[in-house]
N, C-alpha and C. Protein backbone atom coordinates (compact mmCIF):
# COMPACT_ATOMS: atom_id res chain seq x y z
N MET A 1 -71.68 -9.26 -34.37
CA MET A 1 -71.35 -10.64 -34.10
C MET A 1 -71.94 -11.04 -32.75
N GLY A 2 -72.37 -12.29 -32.64
CA GLY A 2 -72.95 -12.79 -31.40
C GLY A 2 -71.90 -13.04 -30.34
N ALA A 3 -72.36 -13.57 -29.21
CA ALA A 3 -71.46 -13.88 -28.10
C ALA A 3 -70.50 -14.99 -28.49
N LEU A 4 -69.30 -14.90 -27.99
CA LEU A 4 -68.29 -15.92 -28.25
C LEU A 4 -68.49 -17.10 -27.31
N THR A 5 -68.19 -18.29 -27.81
CA THR A 5 -68.22 -19.47 -26.94
C THR A 5 -67.01 -19.40 -26.01
N LYS A 6 -67.03 -20.19 -24.95
CA LYS A 6 -65.88 -20.23 -24.04
C LYS A 6 -64.62 -20.66 -24.78
N TYR A 7 -64.77 -21.55 -25.73
CA TYR A 7 -63.63 -22.00 -26.53
C TYR A 7 -63.03 -20.84 -27.34
N GLU A 8 -63.87 -19.94 -27.81
CA GLU A 8 -63.41 -18.80 -28.63
C GLU A 8 -62.86 -17.65 -27.78
N GLN A 9 -63.10 -17.64 -26.49
CA GLN A 9 -62.63 -16.58 -25.61
C GLN A 9 -61.18 -16.87 -25.21
N GLU A 10 -60.30 -16.59 -26.14
CA GLU A 10 -58.89 -16.97 -25.98
C GLU A 10 -58.00 -15.79 -25.65
N THR A 11 -56.84 -16.12 -25.13
CA THR A 11 -55.76 -15.16 -24.91
C THR A 11 -54.51 -15.78 -25.52
N ILE A 12 -53.86 -15.02 -26.39
CA ILE A 12 -52.64 -15.49 -27.05
C ILE A 12 -51.52 -14.50 -26.74
N ILE A 13 -50.43 -15.01 -26.20
CA ILE A 13 -49.25 -14.18 -25.91
C ILE A 13 -48.16 -14.62 -26.88
N ASN A 14 -47.68 -13.68 -27.68
CA ASN A 14 -46.72 -14.00 -28.74
C ASN A 14 -45.45 -13.17 -28.53
N PHE A 15 -44.31 -13.86 -28.46
CA PHE A 15 -43.03 -13.15 -28.40
C PHE A 15 -41.93 -14.04 -28.97
N ASP A 16 -40.81 -13.40 -29.30
CA ASP A 16 -39.67 -14.15 -29.81
C ASP A 16 -38.40 -13.72 -29.07
N VAL A 17 -37.32 -14.38 -29.34
CA VAL A 17 -36.06 -14.12 -28.64
C VAL A 17 -35.51 -12.74 -28.97
N ALA A 18 -35.69 -12.28 -30.19
CA ALA A 18 -35.06 -11.04 -30.64
C ALA A 18 -35.70 -9.77 -30.10
N GLU A 19 -36.98 -9.81 -29.80
CA GLU A 19 -37.69 -8.60 -29.39
C GLU A 19 -37.90 -8.56 -27.88
N PRO A 20 -37.89 -7.36 -27.29
CA PRO A 20 -38.10 -7.25 -25.83
C PRO A 20 -39.57 -7.33 -25.42
N ASP A 21 -40.48 -7.13 -26.37
CA ASP A 21 -41.90 -7.06 -26.03
C ASP A 21 -42.68 -8.28 -26.49
N ALA A 22 -43.80 -8.50 -25.84
CA ALA A 22 -44.75 -9.53 -26.21
C ALA A 22 -46.03 -8.86 -26.69
N VAL A 23 -46.69 -9.46 -27.66
CA VAL A 23 -47.99 -8.99 -28.13
C VAL A 23 -49.04 -9.90 -27.50
N VAL A 24 -50.05 -9.30 -26.89
CA VAL A 24 -51.10 -10.05 -26.22
C VAL A 24 -52.41 -9.80 -26.95
N TYR A 25 -52.97 -10.86 -27.51
CA TYR A 25 -54.22 -10.82 -28.26
C TYR A 25 -55.29 -11.47 -27.38
N ILE A 26 -56.38 -10.75 -27.14
CA ILE A 26 -57.38 -11.21 -26.16
C ILE A 26 -58.78 -11.16 -26.74
N ARG A 27 -59.54 -12.24 -26.50
CA ARG A 27 -60.96 -12.30 -26.82
C ARG A 27 -61.80 -12.60 -25.59
N ASP A 28 -61.24 -12.45 -24.42
CA ASP A 28 -61.91 -12.73 -23.15
C ASP A 28 -62.11 -11.39 -22.42
N LYS A 29 -63.36 -11.00 -22.22
CA LYS A 29 -63.66 -9.67 -21.67
C LYS A 29 -63.08 -9.48 -20.27
N SER A 30 -63.04 -10.54 -19.44
CA SER A 30 -62.47 -10.38 -18.10
C SER A 30 -60.97 -10.09 -18.17
N VAL A 31 -60.27 -10.73 -19.09
CA VAL A 31 -58.84 -10.46 -19.26
C VAL A 31 -58.63 -9.08 -19.88
N MET A 32 -59.51 -8.67 -20.79
CA MET A 32 -59.43 -7.32 -21.36
C MET A 32 -59.53 -6.27 -20.26
N ARG A 33 -60.46 -6.46 -19.32
CA ARG A 33 -60.60 -5.49 -18.23
C ARG A 33 -59.32 -5.41 -17.40
N LYS A 34 -58.69 -6.55 -17.15
CA LYS A 34 -57.45 -6.55 -16.38
C LYS A 34 -56.34 -5.82 -17.12
N LEU A 35 -56.21 -6.08 -18.42
CA LEU A 35 -55.17 -5.39 -19.21
C LEU A 35 -55.50 -3.90 -19.35
N ASP A 36 -56.77 -3.55 -19.51
CA ASP A 36 -57.15 -2.13 -19.57
C ASP A 36 -56.75 -1.41 -18.28
N ALA A 37 -56.95 -2.07 -17.14
CA ALA A 37 -56.56 -1.48 -15.85
C ALA A 37 -55.05 -1.30 -15.79
N LEU A 38 -54.29 -2.28 -16.27
CA LEU A 38 -52.83 -2.16 -16.28
C LEU A 38 -52.37 -1.04 -17.21
N VAL A 39 -53.02 -0.88 -18.35
CA VAL A 39 -52.69 0.21 -19.27
C VAL A 39 -52.90 1.55 -18.58
N ASN A 40 -54.00 1.68 -17.83
CA ASN A 40 -54.28 2.94 -17.12
C ASN A 40 -53.31 3.18 -15.98
N GLU A 41 -52.94 2.12 -15.25
CA GLU A 41 -52.03 2.24 -14.11
C GLU A 41 -50.58 2.44 -14.53
N CYS A 42 -50.16 1.76 -15.58
CA CYS A 42 -48.75 1.75 -15.99
C CYS A 42 -48.62 1.93 -17.51
N PRO A 43 -49.01 3.07 -18.06
CA PRO A 43 -48.98 3.23 -19.52
C PRO A 43 -47.59 3.18 -20.13
N GLU A 44 -46.56 3.35 -19.31
CA GLU A 44 -45.19 3.25 -19.82
C GLU A 44 -44.76 1.79 -19.99
N VAL A 45 -45.51 0.87 -19.40
CA VAL A 45 -45.18 -0.55 -19.46
C VAL A 45 -46.15 -1.32 -20.35
N TYR A 46 -47.44 -1.10 -20.15
CA TYR A 46 -48.49 -1.81 -20.90
C TYR A 46 -49.12 -0.85 -21.90
N ARG A 47 -49.22 -1.27 -23.17
CA ARG A 47 -49.77 -0.40 -24.21
C ARG A 47 -50.91 -1.10 -24.95
N TYR A 48 -51.98 -0.37 -25.13
CA TYR A 48 -53.11 -0.83 -25.94
C TYR A 48 -52.80 -0.45 -27.38
N ILE A 49 -52.95 -1.40 -28.34
CA ILE A 49 -52.61 -1.04 -29.72
C ILE A 49 -53.75 -1.21 -30.71
N GLY A 50 -54.87 -1.80 -30.30
CA GLY A 50 -55.98 -1.89 -31.25
C GLY A 50 -57.06 -2.85 -30.80
N GLU A 51 -58.18 -2.80 -31.54
CA GLU A 51 -59.30 -3.69 -31.23
C GLU A 51 -60.21 -3.85 -32.43
N THR A 52 -61.01 -4.90 -32.37
CA THR A 52 -62.13 -5.10 -33.29
C THR A 52 -63.37 -5.23 -32.42
N ASP A 53 -64.46 -5.67 -33.01
CA ASP A 53 -65.67 -5.83 -32.20
C ASP A 53 -65.60 -7.02 -31.25
N ILE A 54 -64.62 -7.92 -31.39
CA ILE A 54 -64.54 -9.08 -30.51
C ILE A 54 -63.20 -9.26 -29.80
N ASP A 55 -62.21 -8.41 -30.06
CA ASP A 55 -60.90 -8.61 -29.45
C ASP A 55 -60.18 -7.30 -29.20
N LYS A 56 -59.12 -7.39 -28.42
CA LYS A 56 -58.20 -6.27 -28.19
C LYS A 56 -56.78 -6.81 -28.25
N THR A 57 -55.85 -5.92 -28.59
CA THR A 57 -54.44 -6.29 -28.67
C THR A 57 -53.62 -5.29 -27.86
N TYR A 58 -52.67 -5.83 -27.11
CA TYR A 58 -51.82 -5.03 -26.24
C TYR A 58 -50.37 -5.42 -26.48
N VAL A 59 -49.45 -4.58 -26.00
CA VAL A 59 -48.02 -4.87 -26.02
C VAL A 59 -47.51 -4.66 -24.60
N MET A 60 -46.63 -5.58 -24.17
CA MET A 60 -46.03 -5.47 -22.84
C MET A 60 -44.65 -6.10 -22.89
N PRO A 61 -43.78 -5.78 -21.94
CA PRO A 61 -42.47 -6.43 -21.92
C PRO A 61 -42.63 -7.94 -21.74
N LYS A 62 -41.91 -8.70 -22.51
CA LYS A 62 -42.05 -10.16 -22.44
C LYS A 62 -41.57 -10.71 -21.10
N LYS A 63 -40.78 -9.93 -20.37
CA LYS A 63 -40.33 -10.41 -19.06
C LYS A 63 -41.48 -10.56 -18.08
N TYR A 64 -42.64 -9.99 -18.38
CA TYR A 64 -43.82 -10.13 -17.52
C TYR A 64 -44.64 -11.37 -17.86
N ALA A 65 -44.30 -12.07 -18.90
CA ALA A 65 -44.93 -13.37 -19.18
C ALA A 65 -44.14 -14.39 -18.37
N LYS A 66 -44.77 -15.00 -17.40
CA LYS A 66 -44.07 -15.86 -16.44
C LYS A 66 -44.48 -17.31 -16.57
N TYR A 67 -43.54 -18.16 -16.27
CA TYR A 67 -43.77 -19.59 -16.13
C TYR A 67 -43.45 -19.93 -14.69
N VAL A 68 -44.37 -20.55 -14.00
CA VAL A 68 -44.13 -20.91 -12.60
C VAL A 68 -44.43 -22.38 -12.37
N SER A 69 -43.69 -22.98 -11.47
CA SER A 69 -43.96 -24.37 -11.10
C SER A 69 -45.20 -24.43 -10.23
N LEU A 70 -45.75 -25.58 -10.06
CA LEU A 70 -46.91 -25.74 -9.19
C LEU A 70 -46.58 -25.31 -7.77
N GLU A 71 -45.39 -25.65 -7.30
CA GLU A 71 -44.98 -25.26 -5.95
C GLU A 71 -44.91 -23.73 -5.82
N GLY A 72 -44.35 -23.09 -6.84
CA GLY A 72 -44.29 -21.63 -6.82
C GLY A 72 -45.66 -20.99 -6.85
N TYR A 73 -46.55 -21.56 -7.62
CA TYR A 73 -47.92 -21.06 -7.71
C TYR A 73 -48.63 -21.21 -6.37
N LEU A 74 -48.47 -22.33 -5.72
CA LEU A 74 -49.15 -22.58 -4.45
C LEU A 74 -48.60 -21.74 -3.31
N ARG A 75 -47.34 -21.30 -3.42
CA ARG A 75 -46.76 -20.43 -2.39
C ARG A 75 -47.39 -19.05 -2.40
N ASN A 76 -47.85 -18.59 -3.55
CA ASN A 76 -48.39 -17.22 -3.65
C ASN A 76 -49.80 -17.13 -3.22
């Protein structure tokens, strides 16, 4: 398969109320590298579960998916 367009280079984080973990589906190579590094640094927290020729899928605790206000973002 050829190179993905920027529109196709997506990251999807999926979780529900009942489960403690989130599934992270990634088609963006820069985000894949970041998650691969987290898997290597913290394998008890971040888990790699599969890939195709254009994407990777990971599992992580949903508590690490954060929502921040603009003020909170600017403070960091």
